[in-house]
Amino acid sequence: MKSTSLIALIAFLSLSLFILSACGSSKSDRALSGGGIGAGVGLVGGALVGAPLTGAAVGGAVGAGTGALTDEDDVDLGKPVWRD
């Protein structure tokens, strides 16, 4: 039961990160914002299964990778807050 929940959670987080990590226009902006979003979502997901730090690390890595591998035309959520 625990492994099924973990697989479902990972699938959900991966889809969420693909959609949410598309902030910014440069690869570094997108990787940074994706990593931040992924770490937050991974922290919450990891806390649900008893491993918040592992969840944050995995979520951050997946989010950063997704943000770096997508481009601005895939999903555009606007200018990052750290850019003027």
Protein backbone atom coordinates (compact mmCIF):
# COMPACT_ATOMS: atom_id res chain seq x y z
CA MET A 1 0.00 0.00 0.00
CA LYS A 2 2.79 2.44 0.92
CA SER A 3 4.66 1.88 -2.37
CA THR A 4 1.48 2.37 -4.42
CA SER A 5 0.84 5.67 -2.66
CA LEU A 6 4.43 6.72 -3.22
CA ILE A 7 4.25 5.93 -6.95
CA ALA A 8 0.98 7.84 -7.27
CA LEU A 9 2.49 10.77 -5.39
CA ILE A 10 5.60 10.81 -7.59
CA ALA A 11 3.45 10.71 -10.74
CA PHE A 12 1.30 13.57 -9.47
CA LEU A 13 4.31 15.66 -8.45
CA SER A 14 6.03 15.06 -11.78
CA LEU A 15 2.99 16.27 -13.70
CA SER A 16 2.60 19.26 -11.38
CA LEU A 17 6.25 20.18 -11.78
CA PHE A 18 6.05 19.96 -15.55
CA ILE A 19 3.20 22.45 -15.52
CA LEU A 20 4.48 24.76 -12.78
CA SER A 21 8.19 24.88 -13.48
CA ALA A 22 7.83 26.82 -16.71
CA CYS A 23 8.49 30.26 -15.20
CA GLY A 24 11.05 32.62 -16.67
CA SER A 25 12.58 33.08 -20.07
CA SER A 26 16.15 31.80 -19.73
CA LYS A 27 17.14 28.24 -18.93
CA SER A 28 18.67 29.34 -15.63
CA ASP A 29 15.49 31.22 -14.60
CA ARG A 30 13.38 28.21 -15.46
CA ALA A 31 15.69 25.79 -13.66
CA LEU A 32 15.78 28.01 -10.56
CA SER A 33 12.02 28.50 -10.37
CA GLY A 34 11.37 24.83 -11.16
CA GLY A 35 13.81 23.78 -8.45
CA GLY A 36 12.12 26.00 -5.90
CA ILE A 37 8.64 24.83 -6.77
CA GLY A 38 9.79 21.21 -6.87
CA ALA A 39 11.51 21.43 -3.50
CA GLY A 40 8.38 22.85 -1.91
CA VAL A 41 6.07 20.28 -3.43
CA GLY A 42 8.57 17.50 -2.69
CA LEU A 43 8.84 18.62 0.93
CA VAL A 44 5.09 18.34 1.39
CA GLY A 45 4.90 15.05 -0.49
CA GLY A 46 7.87 13.64 1.38
CA ALA A 47 6.33 14.65 4.70
CA LEU A 48 3.26 12.58 3.82
CA VAL A 49 5.39 9.44 3.50
CA GLY A 50 7.82 10.24 6.33
CA ALA A 51 10.81 11.57 4.37
CA PRO A 52 10.46 15.34 3.94
CA LEU A 53 14.13 16.07 3.22
CA THR A 54 14.38 13.31 0.64
CA GLY A 55 11.16 14.56 -0.94
CA ALA A 56 12.50 18.10 -1.09
CA ALA A 57 15.79 16.96 -2.64
CA VAL A 58 14.10 14.78 -5.26
CA GLY A 59 11.42 17.39 -5.99
CA GLY A 60 14.01 20.13 -6.33
CA ALA A 61 16.11 18.06 -8.72
CA VAL A 62 13.13 17.04 -10.85
CA GLY A 63 11.79 20.61 -10.89
CA ALA A 64 15.15 22.09 -11.86
CA GLY A 65 15.59 19.51 -14.61
CA THR A 66 12.08 20.07 -15.91
CA GLY A 67 12.52 23.84 -15.86
CA ALA A 68 15.83 23.62 -17.70
CA LEU A 69 14.49 21.21 -20.33
CA THR A 70 11.31 23.10 -21.18
CA ASP A 71 11.25 26.37 -23.05
CA GLU A 72 9.21 29.51 -22.67
CA ASP A 73 6.70 28.51 -25.34
CA ASP A 74 5.69 25.28 -23.53
CA VAL A 75 4.04 27.01 -20.56
CA ASP A 76 4.48 30.67 -19.69
CA LEU A 77 3.49 31.77 -16.20
CA GLY A 78 5.05 35.19 -16.55
CA LYS A 79 8.18 36.95 -15.40
CA PRO A 80 9.90 35.53 -12.29
CA VAL A 81 9.64 37.64 -9.13
CA TRP A 82 13.42 38.10 -8.93
CA ARG A 83 13.55 39.81 -12.38
CA ASP A 84 12.56 43.46 -12.84
